[in-house]
Amino acid sequence: MGISRIVFLLSIAIAMAMFVVSERNNTIEIGYQIAKLQKSCVELSEKSRNLAYYVDKLKSPDVIAYKVQSMKLALNPQEEFRGTLVASRTKTKEDATKIRFNKTLVTQKEPVTTGRSLHY
């Protein structure tokens, strides 16, 4: 009986040691995955910053004006407006909603009538 106990305790000790080693290997592998994901996150953040820079650059009025001129469109850049846009709704005789905007705030074109009697 003494030898069987020793073999049993030895097998339990070996199983526990194997469990500890496998858990340690899993911990190390997860650490490598975390490092790889952090590196990927840094690279993606840098790409995001670069793309945001290029988007801001393309949104600049100078670039837009150049594109309009290069496409030979008949558009004129408007002055920057720093006020508020006021719209009023009134009922017309046809029970349609009519929206009136101040012409200088929205466009320099004449009002356009659509099927719903909306005027811009």
Protein backbone atom coordinates (compact mmCIF):
# COMPACT_ATOMS: atom_id res chain seq x y z
CA MET A 1 0.00 0.00 0.00
CA GLY A 2 2.83 2.38 0.61
CA ILE A 3 4.11 2.19 -2.97
CA SER A 4 0.64 2.76 -4.46
CA ARG A 5 0.22 5.89 -2.33
CA ILE A 6 3.59 7.22 -3.45
CA VAL A 7 2.75 6.53 -7.12
CA PHE A 8 -0.68 8.15 -6.66
CA LEU A 9 0.79 11.27 -4.99
CA LEU A 10 3.55 11.43 -7.59
CA SER A 11 1.00 11.25 -10.43
CA ILE A 12 -1.06 14.04 -8.80
CA ALA A 13 2.08 16.16 -8.39
CA ILE A 14 3.02 15.58 -12.05
CA ALA A 15 -0.53 16.46 -13.20
CA MET A 16 -0.45 19.66 -11.13
CA ALA A 17 2.97 20.58 -12.51
CA MET A 18 1.74 20.01 -16.09
CA PHE A 19 -1.32 22.19 -15.37
CA VAL A 20 0.87 25.00 -13.99
CA VAL A 21 3.21 24.82 -17.00
CA SER A 22 0.32 24.86 -19.50
CA GLU A 23 -1.30 27.83 -17.73
CA ARG A 24 2.04 29.67 -17.75
CA ASN A 25 2.38 29.02 -21.50
CA ASN A 26 -1.17 30.29 -22.08
CA THR A 27 -0.38 33.43 -20.07
CA ILE A 28 2.75 34.07 -22.15
CA GLU A 29 0.83 33.50 -25.40
CA ILE A 30 -1.90 35.92 -24.31
CA GLY A 31 0.81 38.46 -23.46
CA TYR A 32 2.20 38.17 -27.01
CA GLN A 33 -1.29 38.63 -28.45
CA ILE A 34 -1.83 41.73 -26.31
CA ALA A 35 1.48 43.22 -27.47
CA LYS A 36 0.58 42.50 -31.10
CA LEU A 37 -2.87 44.11 -30.69
CA GLN A 38 -1.36 47.17 -28.98
CA LYS A 39 1.08 47.58 -31.87
CA SER A 40 -1.80 47.26 -34.34
CA CYS A 41 -3.81 49.83 -32.34
CA VAL A 42 -0.94 52.31 -32.48
CA GLU A 43 -0.56 51.81 -36.25
CA LEU A 44 -4.30 52.24 -36.81
CA SER A 45 -4.36 55.36 -34.64
CA GLU A 46 -1.56 56.83 -36.73
CA LYS A 47 -3.41 56.00 -39.95
CA SER A 48 -6.56 57.56 -38.51
CA ARG A 49 -4.68 60.76 -37.67
CA ASN A 50 -3.21 60.89 -41.18
CA LEU A 51 -6.61 60.34 -42.78
CA ALA A 52 -8.20 62.99 -40.58
CA TYR A 53 -5.48 65.41 -41.67
CA TYR A 54 -6.12 64.67 -45.34
CA VAL A 55 -9.90 64.99 -44.87
CA ASP A 56 -9.45 68.37 -43.19
CA LYS A 57 -7.08 69.39 -45.96
CA LEU A 58 -9.60 68.37 -48.65
CA LYS A 59 -12.41 70.24 -46.86
CA SER A 60 -10.51 73.52 -46.95
CA PRO A 61 -12.18 76.23 -49.05
CA ASP A 62 -9.06 76.73 -51.16
CA VAL A 63 -8.99 73.11 -52.27
CA ILE A 64 -12.72 73.09 -52.96
CA ALA A 65 -12.44 76.30 -54.99
CA TYR A 66 -9.55 74.80 -56.97
CA LYS A 67 -11.57 71.64 -57.67
CA VAL A 68 -14.55 73.74 -58.78
CA GLN A 69 -12.32 75.72 -61.14
CA SER A 70 -10.61 72.60 -62.48
CA MET A 71 -14.00 71.00 -63.23
CA LYS A 72 -15.10 74.27 -64.84
CA LEU A 73 -18.23 74.53 -62.72
CA ALA A 74 -20.01 77.85 -62.56
CA LEU A 75 -19.99 78.15 -58.78
CA ASN A 76 -18.80 81.08 -56.73
CA PRO A 77 -17.63 80.61 -53.13
CA GLN A 78 -19.92 82.37 -50.66
CA GLU A 79 -18.73 84.46 -47.77
CA GLU A 80 -18.64 82.69 -44.46
CA PHE A 81 -21.80 83.30 -42.45
CA ARG A 82 -21.67 83.23 -38.67
CA GLY A 83 -25.30 83.91 -37.87
CA THR A 84 -28.27 81.69 -37.31
CA LEU A 85 -30.59 80.26 -39.90
CA VAL A 86 -34.21 81.17 -39.31
CA ALA A 87 -37.01 79.24 -40.97
CA SER A 88 -40.71 79.86 -40.63
CA ARG A 89 -43.55 77.48 -41.45
CA THR A 90 -46.88 78.80 -42.63
CA LYS A 91 -49.98 77.01 -43.83
CA THR A 92 -51.00 77.84 -47.38
CA LYS A 93 -54.45 77.64 -48.86
CA GLU A 94 -53.69 74.20 -50.30
CA ASP A 95 -52.95 72.87 -46.77
CA ALA A 96 -49.32 72.33 -47.73
CA THR A 97 -46.51 73.47 -45.51
CA LYS A 98 -44.43 76.29 -46.92
CA ILE A 99 -40.94 76.90 -45.62
CA ARG A 100 -39.27 80.24 -46.19
CA PHE A 101 -35.58 80.76 -45.70
CA ASN A 102 -33.73 84.00 -45.90
CA LYS A 103 -32.29 83.91 -49.43
CA THR A 104 -28.91 85.29 -48.45
CA LEU A 105 -28.39 82.55 -45.87
CA VAL A 106 -29.10 79.55 -48.05
CA THR A 107 -28.55 80.33 -51.71
CA GLN A 108 -28.44 83.12 -54.25
CA LYS A 109 -30.81 81.30 -56.58
CA GLU A 110 -34.47 82.08 -57.03
CA PRO A 111 -36.95 79.96 -55.01
CA VAL A 112 -37.61 76.53 -56.48
CA THR A 113 -41.08 75.05 -56.29
CA THR A 114 -41.48 71.29 -55.88
CA GLY A 115 -44.56 69.11 -55.75
CA ARG A 116 -44.91 69.70 -52.00
CA SER A 117 -44.81 73.50 -52.35
CA LEU A 118 -41.47 73.82 -50.57
CA HIS A 119 -39.61 77.04 -51.35
CA TYR A 120 -35.91 77.55 -50.76
